[in-house]
Structures are given as structure tokens and as C-alpha cells.
C-alpha atoms as a PDB file:
ATOM      1  CA  MET A   1     103.494 -87.311 191.057  1.00  0.00           C
ATOM      2  CA  LYS A   2     101.052 -84.432 189.873  1.00  0.00           C
ATOM      3  CA  MET A   3     100.794 -83.588 186.262  1.00  0.00           C
ATOM      4  CA  ILE A   4     103.175 -80.857 185.335  1.00  0.00           C
ATOM      5  CA  ASN A   5     101.448 -78.158 183.641  1.00  0.00           C
ATOM      6  CA  SER A   6     103.858 -75.240 183.598  1.00  0.00           C
ATOM      7  CA  PRO A   7     107.870 -74.801 183.392  1.00  0.00           C
ATOM      8  CA  ALA A   8     107.527 -72.724 186.838  1.00  0.00           C
ATOM      9  CA  THR A   9     106.966 -76.273 188.398  1.00  0.00           C
ATOM     10  CA  PHE A  10     110.691 -76.528 188.135  1.00  0.00           C
ATOM     11  CA  LYS A  11     111.229 -74.119 190.862  1.00  0.00           C
ATOM     12  CA  THR A  12     114.749 -72.236 191.021  1.00  0.00           C
ATOM     13  CA  CYS A  13     115.370 -73.710 194.530  1.00  0.00           C
ATOM     14  CA  TYR A  14     115.192 -77.163 192.846  1.00  0.00           C
ATOM     15  CA  ILE A  15     117.608 -75.997 190.063  1.00  0.00           C
ATOM     16  CA  ALA A  16     119.877 -74.663 192.275  1.00  0.00           C
ATOM     17  CA  GLN A  17     120.217 -77.705 194.518  1.00  0.00           C
ATOM     18  CA  VAL A  18     120.910 -79.914 191.307  1.00  0.00           C
ATOM     19  CA  LYS A  19     123.542 -77.552 190.104  1.00  0.00           C
ATOM     20  CA  GLU A  20     125.202 -77.805 193.588  1.00  0.00           C
ATOM     21  CA  GLU A  21     125.117 -81.597 193.353  1.00  0.00           C
ATOM     22  CA  LEU A  22     126.626 -81.277 189.834  1.00  0.00           C
ATOM     23  CA  ASN A  23     129.466 -78.944 191.255  1.00  0.00           C
ATOM     24  CA  LEU A  24     128.214 -76.139 189.120  1.00  0.00           C
ATOM     25  CA  PRO A  25     128.617 -72.458 190.597  1.00  0.00           C
ATOM     26  CA  VAL A  26     125.445 -71.443 192.679  1.00  0.00           C
ATOM     27  CA  ARG A  27     124.975 -68.166 194.471  1.00  0.00           C
ATOM     28  CA  LYS A  28     123.457 -68.124 198.108  1.00  0.00           C
ATOM     29  CA  ALA A  29     119.919 -67.058 198.059  1.00  0.00           C
ATOM     30  CA  TRP A  30     119.327 -63.874 200.068  1.00  0.00           C
ATOM     31  CA  ASN A  31     116.704 -65.724 202.121  1.00  0.00           C
ATOM     32  CA  ARG A  32     118.842 -68.656 202.843  1.00  0.00           C
ATOM     33  CA  GLU A  33     119.751 -69.344 206.519  1.00  0.00           C
ATOM     34  CA  GLY A  34     122.731 -71.623 207.157  1.00  0.00           C
ATOM     35  CA  LYS A  35     123.818 -74.237 204.690  1.00  0.00           C
ATOM     36  CA  GLN A  36     120.929 -76.653 204.798  1.00  0.00           C
ATOM     37  CA  ARG A  37     118.146 -76.418 202.296  1.00  0.00           C
ATOM     38  CA  LYS A  38     114.692 -76.335 203.651  1.00  0.00           C
ATOM     39  CA  VAL A  39     112.960 -77.499 200.250  1.00  0.00           C
ATOM     40  CA  GLN A  40     114.176 -80.557 198.809  1.00  0.00           C
ATOM     41  CA  VAL A  41     113.968 -81.561 195.080  1.00  0.00           C
ATOM     42  CA  PRO A  42     111.331 -84.276 194.683  1.00  0.00           C
ATOM     43  CA  LEU A  43     113.019 -87.139 192.981  1.00  0.00           C
ATOM     44  CA  GLY A  44     110.690 -87.386 189.943  1.00  0.00           C
ATOM     45  CA  LEU A  45     111.694 -83.710 188.995  1.00  0.00           C
ATOM     46  CA  LYS A  46     115.462 -84.051 189.749  1.00  0.00           C
ATOM     47  CA  GLU A  47     116.216 -86.510 186.559  1.00  0.00           C
ATOM     48  CA  TYR A  48     114.384 -83.906 184.321  1.00  0.00           C
ATOM     49  CA  ILE A  49     116.569 -81.204 185.708  1.00  0.00           C
ATOM     50  CA  LYS A  50     119.839 -82.951 185.674  1.00  0.00           C
ATOM     51  CA  LYS A  51     119.026 -84.061 181.870  1.00  0.00           C
ATOM     52  CA  ALA A  52     118.066 -80.555 181.003  1.00  0.00           C
ATOM     53  CA  ILE A  53     121.450 -78.922 182.245  1.00  0.00           C
ATOM     54  CA  LYS A  54     123.442 -81.695 180.636  1.00  0.00           C
ATOM     55  CA  MET A  55     121.749 -81.213 177.422  1.00  0.00           C
ATOM     56  CA  LEU A  56     121.945 -77.390 177.475  1.00  0.00           C
ATOM     57  CA  MET A  57     125.597 -77.375 178.515  1.00  0.00           C
ATOM     58  CA  ASP A  58     126.390 -79.772 175.400  1.00  0.00           C
ATOM     59  CA  GLU A  59     124.404 -77.276 173.231  1.00  0.00           C
ATOM     60  CA  LYS A  60     126.311 -74.254 174.663  1.00  0.00           C
ATOM     61  CA  LYS A  61     129.722 -76.143 174.538  1.00  0.00           C
ATOM     62  CA  GLY A  62     130.027 -75.837 178.416  1.00  0.00           C
ATOM     63  CA  GLU A  63     128.474 -72.558 179.224  1.00  0.00           C
ATOM     64  CA  ILE A  64     126.288 -72.637 182.127  1.00  0.00           C
ATOM     65  CA  PRO A  65     122.557 -72.281 181.191  1.00  0.00           C
ATOM     66  CA  SER A  66     120.276 -69.801 182.987  1.00  0.00           C
ATOM     67  CA  TYR A  67     117.564 -70.871 185.321  1.00  0.00           C
ATOM     68  CA  LYS A  68     114.888 -69.797 182.817  1.00  0.00           C
ATOM     69  CA  GLU A  69     116.625 -72.076 180.085  1.00  0.00           C
ATOM     70  CA  ILE A  70     116.887 -74.966 182.519  1.00  0.00           C
ATOM     71  CA  GLN A  71     112.883 -74.775 183.593  1.00  0.00           C
ATOM     72  CA  LYS A  72     112.056 -74.587 179.942  1.00  0.00           C
ATOM     73  CA  LYS A  73     114.355 -77.426 178.865  1.00  0.00           C
ATOM     74  CA  ALA A  74     113.143 -79.570 181.900  1.00  0.00           C
ATOM     75  CA  PHE A  75     109.590 -78.997 180.957  1.00  0.00           C
ATOM     76  CA  GLU A  76     110.188 -79.963 177.458  1.00  0.00           C
ATOM     77  CA  ILE A  77     111.863 -83.088 178.441  1.00  0.00           C
ATOM     78  CA  TYR A  78     109.034 -83.891 180.826  1.00  0.00           C
ATOM     79  CA  GLN A  79     106.346 -83.355 177.981  1.00  0.00           C
ATOM     80  CA  ASP A  80     108.294 -85.756 175.689  1.00  0.00           C
ATOM     81  CA  THR A  81     108.412 -88.494 177.981  1.00  0.00           C
ATOM     82  CA  LEU A  82     104.615 -88.105 178.666  1.00  0.00           C
ATOM     83  CA  LYS A  83     104.107 -88.863 175.065  1.00  0.00           C
ATOM     84  CA  THR A  84     106.254 -91.792 174.625  1.00  0.00           C
ATOM     85  CA  ASN A  85     105.034 -93.067 177.995  1.00  0.00           C
ATOM     86  CA  SER A  86     101.789 -95.296 177.622  1.00  0.00           C
ATOM     87  CA  GLU A  87     101.291 -95.521 181.258  1.00  0.00           C
ATOM     88  CA  LYS A  88      98.404 -93.453 182.662  1.00  0.00           C
ATOM     89  CA  PHE A  89      97.526 -92.165 186.280  1.00  0.00           C
ATOM     90  CA  PHE A  90      94.692 -93.531 188.339  1.00  0.00           C
ATOM     91  CA  GLY A  91      94.378 -91.482 191.254  1.00  0.00           C
ATOM     92  CA  ILE A  92      98.174 -91.566 192.658  1.00  0.00           C
ATOM     93  CA  PHE A  93      98.990 -94.813 191.123  1.00  0.00           C
ATOM     94  CA  ARG A  94     100.780 -94.904 187.546  1.00  0.00           C
ATOM     95  CA  THR A  95      99.631 -98.084 185.972  1.00  0.00           C
ATOM     96  CA  LYS A  96      98.155 -99.387 182.859  1.00  0.00           C
ATOM     97  CA  ASN A  97      95.530-101.469 184.619  1.00  0.00           C
ATOM     98  CA  LYS A  98      92.830 -99.856 186.109  1.00  0.00           C
ATOM     99  CA  GLU A  99      91.301-102.713 187.711  1.00  0.00           C
ATOM    100  CA  TYR A 100      94.530-103.257 189.828  1.00  0.00           C
ATOM    101  CA  VAL A 101      93.730 -99.753 191.393  1.00  0.00           C
ATOM    102  CA  ARG A 102      90.338-100.499 192.057  1.00  0.00           C
ATOM    103  CA  LYS A 103      91.205-103.908 193.631  1.00  0.00           C
ATOM    104  CA  ILE A 104      93.618-102.089 195.960  1.00  0.00           C
ATOM    105  CA  THR A 105      91.294 -99.448 196.948  1.00  0.00           C
ATOM    106  CA  GLU A 106      88.398-102.048 197.465  1.00  0.00           C
ATOM    107  CA  ASP A 107      90.741-104.456 199.766  1.00  0.00           C
ATOM    108  CA  LYS A 108      89.337-105.075 203.318  1.00  0.00           C
ATOM    109  CA  ASP A 109      92.823-106.141 204.632  1.00  0.00           C
ATOM    110  CA  ILE A 110      94.340-102.553 204.044  1.00  0.00           C
ATOM    111  CA  LEU A 111      93.670-100.055 206.922  1.00  0.00           C
ATOM    112  CA  HIS A 112      92.148 -96.982 205.879  1.00  0.00           C
ATOM    113  CA  GLU A 113      92.342 -94.062 208.233  1.00  0.00           C
ATOM    114  CA  LEU A 114      90.545 -91.022 207.983  1.00  0.00           C
END
């Protein structure tokens, strides 16, 4: 997963899908055709959105938070996990061991296609 630099990374369509999964009321978007969603929430972002919704609902005593509030809170939760998580990204790999990544990329048995 790429580094998240903005609360806008948590798109409103992602938030709507998570709210729907949590059985919270969601209006149908004006540009949505049918019942299927074209854009799915990446699994890495879903956990942050769920945590944000639950935390905000606890703070507001059951009141449903706005999309902007959810975006902001999810981004804050994401930043907090980065501070506590000691792992780093090397390319697409999340690991503490840079040599492990180098070993994988130099492995002749792995097929590399261009």
C-alpha cells in the first residue's frame, strides 16, 4: 500500500461502502448505476475507516458522523499507527530487513516479466 499523505485518500465511496457494511444509512450516489459498487475499498483502508466510524459514534453518543469527520479521523488513526509501527517499506515490501528484499529481487528462480 502506498503512503497516505492526505485525508482525501479515504474517498467518500470507500466510506459509503463501509457504512453500508455496518448497516448505517447511506444515500445512493447520483452517478451510481445499479446496486453493485464499481470501486471497492482497499483492505488496508477499510480497517481505518471502521475504527474511525466507531470512535466518532462513541464520541457523539450514537450520532452518525459526517464523511469529512470520518476522513479526518481515519487519517489521524493511520498516522498514529505509522508512529507506533517500526516496520518500513522497501519498494512494495513492508519489512524491517532490507537484505530480505534485496535477496528476493536478485533471486534467479523468480520469473521477472516486463
